[in-house]
Amino acid sequence: MSVESSILNLLAQRAAGATICPSEVARQLGGEEWRSMMEPVRAAARRLVAAGEVEITQGGEVVDPETAKGPIRIRRTTG
């Protein structure tokens, strides 16, 4: 299963508008070595943003995934 699919599958299990942390996906895919999966998960989230499938948020506000620094959340696109 691709990282993108893992993100979308985890989001599908949540209520509309709910967010996930990239670490949830990383832990699911990487097990005990989940930290090494963090950047691949963030990269996959950026690809999904470009495809119009998800949004990246910080503090509940949509942010540009290319310039976001620090903790992010991922949610399905609302529009």
Foldseek 3Di string as FASTA:
>chain_A
DALLVLLVVVQVVDDAPDWAWLLVSLCVPPPVHSVVCSVVNLVSLLVCVVVQFKFKDDPSDGDNSVPDDDTIIIHGRPD
